[in-house]
Amino acid sequence: MEKGRKEGAVALLERQLTQRFGTLPQAARNKLAKAGAAQLESWSDALLEARSLKQILG
């Protein structure tokens, strides 16, 4: 069940990042896939104010 939640969070965040910043580089998609739940939540919060993908994913 936890795996399904993480996959859903990754998919949602990837979609939001793509809408905001355009096509994501493979490195960014890999980083999202490897992130834990707390990190995904932190990046989701950062999306609201970030001006670039780099500000979110570092």
PDB file of N, CA and C in Angstrom:
ATOM      1  N   MET A   1       0.825  -1.190   0.000  1.00  0.00           N
ATOM      2  CA  MET A   1       0.000   0.000   0.000  1.00  0.00           C
ATOM      3  C   MET A   1       0.875   1.262   0.000  1.00  0.00           C
ATOM      4  N   GLU A   2       1.934   1.236   0.801  1.00  0.00           N
ATOM      5  CA  GLU A   2       2.842   2.393   0.872  1.00  0.00           C
ATOM      6  C   GLU A   2       3.498   2.653  -0.486  1.00  0.00           C
ATOM      7  N   LYS A   3       3.858   1.598  -1.191  1.00  0.00           N
ATOM      8  CA  LYS A   3       4.472   1.734  -2.514  1.00  0.00           C
ATOM      9  C   LYS A   3       3.522   2.450  -3.473  1.00  0.00           C
ATOM     10  N   GLY A   4       2.247   2.110  -3.403  1.00  0.00           N
ATOM     11  CA  GLY A   4       1.243   2.748  -4.252  1.00  0.00           C
ATOM     12  C   GLY A   4       1.101   4.233  -3.952  1.00  0.00           C
ATOM     13  N   ARG A   5       1.165   4.590  -2.690  1.00  0.00           N
ATOM     14  CA  ARG A   5       1.089   6.002  -2.297  1.00  0.00           C
ATOM     15  C   ARG A   5       2.283   6.778  -2.832  1.00  0.00           C
ATOM     16  N   LYS A   6       3.470   6.169  -2.710  1.00  0.00           N
ATOM     17  CA  LYS A   6       4.681   6.832  -3.193  1.00  0.00           C
ATOM     18  C   LYS A   6       4.617   7.012  -4.702  1.00  0.00           C
ATOM     19  N   GLU A   7       4.202   5.984  -5.415  1.00  0.00           N
ATOM     20  CA  GLU A   7       4.098   6.082  -6.872  1.00  0.00           C
ATOM     21  C   GLU A   7       3.107   7.173  -7.276  1.00  0.00           C
ATOM     22  N   GLY A   8       2.012   7.276  -6.546  1.00  0.00           N
ATOM     23  CA  GLY A   8       1.026   8.321  -6.819  1.00  0.00           C
ATOM     24  C   GLY A   8       1.593   9.706  -6.553  1.00  0.00           C
ATOM     25  N   ALA A   9       2.335   9.848  -5.466  1.00  0.00           N
ATOM     26  CA  ALA A   9       2.945  11.141  -5.136  1.00  0.00           C
ATOM     27  C   ALA A   9       3.978  11.536  -6.184  1.00  0.00           C
ATOM     28  N   VAL A  10       4.769  10.569  -6.639  1.00  0.00           N
ATOM     29  CA  VAL A  10       5.771  10.841  -7.673  1.00  0.00           C
ATOM     30  C   VAL A  10       5.074  11.282  -8.954  1.00  0.00           C
ATOM     31  N   ALA A  11       4.042  10.561  -9.356  1.00  0.00           N
ATOM     32  CA  ALA A  11       3.324  10.883 -10.591  1.00  0.00           C
ATOM     33  C   ALA A  11       2.711  12.281 -10.523  1.00  0.00           C
ATOM     34  N   LEU A  12       2.100  12.610  -9.399  1.00  0.00           N
ATOM     35  CA  LEU A  12       1.481  13.921  -9.243  1.00  0.00           C
ATOM     36  C   LEU A  12       2.523  15.039  -9.271  1.00  0.00           C
ATOM     37  N   LEU A  13       3.598  14.869  -8.531  1.00  0.00           N
ATOM     38  CA  LEU A  13       4.630  15.903  -8.494  1.00  0.00           C
ATOM     39  C   LEU A  13       5.297  16.051  -9.858  1.00  0.00           C
ATOM     40  N   GLU A  14       5.542  14.950 -10.530  1.00  0.00           N
ATOM     41  CA  GLU A  14       6.139  15.023 -11.874  1.00  0.00           C
ATOM     42  C   GLU A  14       5.218  15.791 -12.822  1.00  0.00           C
ATOM     43  N   ARG A  15       3.940  15.523 -12.732  1.00  0.00           N
ATOM     44  CA  ARG A  15       2.968  16.233 -13.583  1.00  0.00           C
ATOM     45  C   ARG A  15       2.962  17.735 -13.282  1.00  0.00           C
ATOM     46  N   GLN A  16       2.963  18.084 -12.012  1.00  0.00           N
ATOM     47  CA  GLN A  16       2.953  19.492 -11.624  1.00  0.00           C
ATOM     48  C   GLN A  16       4.238  20.195 -12.052  1.00  0.00           C
ATOM     49  N   LEU A  17       5.367  19.537 -11.861  1.00  0.00           N
ATOM     50  CA  LEU A  17       6.650  20.131 -12.267  1.00  0.00           C
ATOM     51  C   LEU A  17       6.703  20.330 -13.782  1.00  0.00           C
ATOM     52  N   THR A  18       6.194  19.364 -14.521  1.00  0.00           N
ATOM     53  CA  THR A  18       6.186  19.459 -15.979  1.00  0.00           C
ATOM     54  C   THR A  18       5.301  20.615 -16.436  1.00  0.00           C
ATOM     55  N   GLN A  19       4.159  20.776 -15.816  1.00  0.00           N
ATOM     56  CA  GLN A  19       3.271  21.879 -16.189  1.00  0.00           C
ATOM     57  C   GLN A  19       3.898  23.231 -15.875  1.00  0.00           C
ATOM     58  N   ARG A  20       4.661  23.277 -14.812  1.00  0.00           N
ATOM     59  CA  ARG A  20       5.254  24.552 -14.391  1.00  0.00           C
ATOM     60  C   ARG A  20       6.546  24.891 -15.143  1.00  0.00           C
ATOM     61  N   PHE A  21       7.397  23.872 -15.365  1.00  0.00           N
ATOM     62  CA  PHE A  21       8.729  24.128 -15.906  1.00  0.00           C
ATOM     63  C   PHE A  21       8.996  23.477 -17.265  1.00  0.00           C
ATOM     64  N   GLY A  22       8.049  22.745 -17.805  1.00  0.00           N
ATOM     65  CA  GLY A  22       8.255  22.070 -19.082  1.00  0.00           C
ATOM     66  C   GLY A  22       8.796  20.664 -18.870  1.00  0.00           C
ATOM     67  N   THR A  23       9.161  20.037 -19.963  1.00  0.00           N
ATOM     68  CA  THR A  23       9.637  18.658 -19.924  1.00  0.00           C
ATOM     69  C   THR A  23      10.792  18.506 -18.936  1.00  0.00           C
ATOM     70  N   LEU A  24      10.680  17.510 -18.076  1.00  0.00           N
ATOM     71  CA  LEU A  24      11.707  17.270 -17.067  1.00  0.00           C
ATOM     72  C   LEU A  24      12.859  16.465 -17.649  1.00  0.00           C
ATOM     73  N   PRO A  25      14.078  16.834 -17.305  1.00  0.00           N
ATOM     74  CA  PRO A  25      15.217  16.020 -17.719  1.00  0.00           C
ATOM     75  C   PRO A  25      15.167  14.655 -17.024  1.00  0.00           C
ATOM     76  N   GLN A  26      15.801  13.679 -17.638  1.00  0.00           N
ATOM     77  CA  GLN A  26      15.810  12.325 -17.077  1.00  0.00           C
ATOM     78  C   GLN A  26      16.379  12.307 -15.660  1.00  0.00           C
ATOM     79  N   ALA A  27      17.387  13.122 -15.403  1.00  0.00           N
ATOM     80  CA  ALA A  27      17.988  13.170 -14.063  1.00  0.00           C
ATOM     81  C   ALA A  27      16.955  13.587 -13.017  1.00  0.00           C
ATOM     82  N   ALA A  28      16.082  14.522 -13.361  1.00  0.00           N
ATOM     83  CA  ALA A  28      15.043  14.964 -12.427  1.00  0.00           C
ATOM     84  C   ALA A  28      14.033  13.848 -12.191  1.00  0.00           C
ATOM     85  N   ARG A  29      13.642  13.151 -13.250  1.00  0.00           N
ATOM     86  CA  ARG A  29      12.692  12.040 -13.095  1.00  0.00           C
ATOM     87  C   ARG A  29      13.302  10.926 -12.241  1.00  0.00           C
ATOM     88  N   ASN A  30      14.589  10.671 -12.431  1.00  0.00           N
ATOM     89  CA  ASN A  30      15.264   9.659 -11.613  1.00  0.00           C
ATOM     90  C   ASN A  30      15.282  10.066 -10.146  1.00  0.00           C
ATOM     91  N   LYS A  31      15.546  11.337  -9.897  1.00  0.00           N
ATOM     92  CA  LYS A  31      15.595  11.844  -8.522  1.00  0.00           C
ATOM     93  C   LYS A  31      14.232  11.698  -7.848  1.00  0.00           C
ATOM     94  N   LEU A  32      13.175  12.000  -8.583  1.00  0.00           N
ATOM     95  CA  LEU A  32      11.826  11.841  -8.047  1.00  0.00           C
ATOM     96  C   LEU A  32      11.551  10.379  -7.704  1.00  0.00           C
ATOM     97  N   ALA A  33      11.935   9.479  -8.590  1.00  0.00           N
ATOM     98  CA  ALA A  33      11.672   8.050  -8.391  1.00  0.00           C
ATOM     99  C   ALA A  33      12.401   7.489  -7.172  1.00  0.00           C
ATOM    100  N   LYS A  34      13.553   8.039  -6.851  1.00  0.00           N
ATOM    101  CA  LYS A  34      14.361   7.533  -5.735  1.00  0.00           C
ATOM    102  C   LYS A  34      14.028   8.199  -4.399  1.00  0.00           C
ATOM    103  N   ALA A  35      13.270   9.268  -4.426  1.00  0.00           N
ATOM    104  CA  ALA A  35      12.993  10.040  -3.212  1.00  0.00           C
ATOM    105  C   ALA A  35      12.035   9.311  -2.277  1.00  0.00           C
ATOM    106  N   GLY A  36      12.194   9.606  -1.002  1.00  0.00           N
ATOM    107  CA  GLY A  36      11.277   9.089   0.004  1.00  0.00           C
ATOM    108  C   GLY A  36      10.055   9.990   0.138  1.00  0.00           C
ATOM    109  N   ALA A  37       9.099   9.537   0.901  1.00  0.00           N
ATOM    110  CA  ALA A  37       7.845  10.262   1.067  1.00  0.00           C
ATOM    111  C   ALA A  37       8.052  11.664   1.650  1.00  0.00           C
ATOM    112  N   ALA A  38       8.914  11.788   2.636  1.00  0.00           N
ATOM    113  CA  ALA A  38       9.150  13.100   3.259  1.00  0.00           C
ATOM    114  C   ALA A  38       9.776  14.075   2.263  1.00  0.00           C
ATOM    115  N   GLN A  39      10.699  13.581   1.439  1.00  0.00           N
ATOM    116  CA  GLN A  39      11.342  14.441   0.449  1.00  0.00           C
ATOM    117  C   GLN A  39      10.339  14.881  -0.613  1.00  0.00           C
ATOM    118  N   LEU A  40       9.497  13.973  -1.059  1.00  0.00           N
ATOM    119  CA  LEU A  40       8.469  14.324  -2.047  1.00  0.00           C
ATOM    120  C   LEU A  40       7.531  15.397  -1.498  1.00  0.00           C
ATOM    121  N   GLU A  41       7.181  15.260  -0.227  1.00  0.00           N
ATOM    122  CA  GLU A  41       6.307  16.247   0.411  1.00  0.00           C
ATOM    123  C   GLU A  41       7.002  17.607   0.475  1.00  0.00           C
ATOM    124  N   SER A  42       8.253  17.622   0.811  1.00  0.00           N
ATOM    125  CA  SER A  42       9.022  18.864   0.877  1.00  0.00           C
ATOM    126  C   SER A  42       9.093  19.530  -0.499  1.00  0.00           C
ATOM    127  N   TRP A  43       9.365  18.748  -1.526  1.00  0.00           N
ATOM    128  CA  TRP A  43       9.425  19.301  -2.883  1.00  0.00           C
ATOM    129  C   TRP A  43       8.059  19.820  -3.324  1.00  0.00           C
ATOM    130  N   SER A  44       7.002  19.133  -2.948  1.00  0.00           N
ATOM    131  CA  SER A  44       5.649  19.588  -3.285  1.00  0.00           C
ATOM    132  C   SER A  44       5.371  20.951  -2.664  1.00  0.00           C
ATOM    133  N   ASP A  45       5.790  21.131  -1.426  1.00  0.00           N
ATOM    134  CA  ASP A  45       5.614  22.423  -0.761  1.00  0.00           C
ATOM    135  C   ASP A  45       6.442  23.503  -1.442  1.00  0.00           C
ATOM    136  N   ALA A  46       7.663  23.155  -1.839  1.00  0.00           N
ATOM    137  CA  ALA A  46       8.556  24.128  -2.476  1.00  0.00           C
ATOM    138  C   ALA A  46       8.054  24.567  -3.847  1.00  0.00           C
ATOM    139  N   LEU A  47       7.277  23.739  -4.492  1.00  0.00           N
ATOM    140  CA  LEU A  47       6.768  24.047  -5.825  1.00  0.00           C
ATOM    141  C   LEU A  47       5.973  25.342  -5.857  1.00  0.00           C
ATOM    142  N   LEU A  48       5.309  25.655  -4.784  1.00  0.00           N
ATOM    143  CA  LEU A  48       4.454  26.839  -4.746  1.00  0.00           C
ATOM    144  C   LEU A  48       5.210  28.143  -4.954  1.00  0.00           C
ATOM    145  N   GLU A  49       6.443  28.209  -4.485  1.00  0.00           N
ATOM    146  CA  GLU A  49       7.188  29.464  -4.550  1.00  0.00           C
ATOM    147  C   GLU A  49       8.442  29.420  -5.420  1.00  0.00           C
ATOM    148  N   ALA A  50       8.820  28.253  -5.890  1.00  0.00           N
ATOM    149  CA  ALA A  50      10.061  28.116  -6.659  1.00  0.00           C
ATOM    150  C   ALA A  50       9.947  28.788  -8.027  1.00  0.00           C
ATOM    151  N   ARG A  51      11.062  29.354  -8.455  1.00  0.00           N
ATOM    152  CA  ARG A  51      11.117  29.987  -9.771  1.00  0.00           C
ATOM    153  C   ARG A  51      11.798  29.099 -10.803  1.00  0.00           C
ATOM    154  N   SER A  52      12.399  28.004 -10.331  1.00  0.00           N
ATOM    155  CA  SER A  52      13.075  27.089 -11.254  1.00  0.00           C
ATOM    156  C   SER A  52      13.041  25.685 -10.688  1.00  0.00           C
ATOM    157  N   LEU A  53      13.245  24.735 -11.571  1.00  0.00           N
ATOM    158  CA  LEU A  53      13.309  23.343 -11.158  1.00  0.00           C
ATOM    159  C   LEU A  53      14.484  23.118 -10.216  1.00  0.00           C
ATOM    160  N   LYS A  54      15.578  23.820 -10.476  1.00  0.00           N
ATOM    161  CA  LYS A  54      16.765  23.679  -9.640  1.00  0.00           C
ATOM    162  C   LYS A  54      16.499  24.102  -8.203  1.00  0.00           C
ATOM    163  N   GLN A  55      15.659  25.108  -7.997  1.00  0.00           N
ATOM    164  CA  GLN A  55      15.328  25.532  -6.638  1.00  0.00           C
ATOM    165  C   GLN A  55      14.609  24.434  -5.865  1.00  0.00           C
ATOM    166  N   ILE A  56      13.915  23.577  -6.563  1.00  0.00           N
ATOM    167  CA  ILE A  56      13.182  22.514  -5.898  1.00  0.00           C
ATOM    168  C   ILE A  56      14.045  21.279  -5.702  1.00  0.00           C
ATOM    169  N   LEU A  57      14.621  20.808  -6.764  1.00  0.00           N
ATOM    170  CA  LEU A  57      15.354  19.541  -6.723  1.00  0.00           C
ATOM    171  C   LEU A  57      16.843  19.709  -6.409  1.00  0.00           C
ATOM    172  N   GLY A  58      17.297  20.947  -6.399  1.00  0.00           N
ATOM    173  CA  GLY A  58      18.691  21.205  -6.057  1.00  0.00           C
ATOM    174  C   GLY A  58      19.648  20.934  -7.087  1.00  0.00           C
TER     175      GLY A  58
END
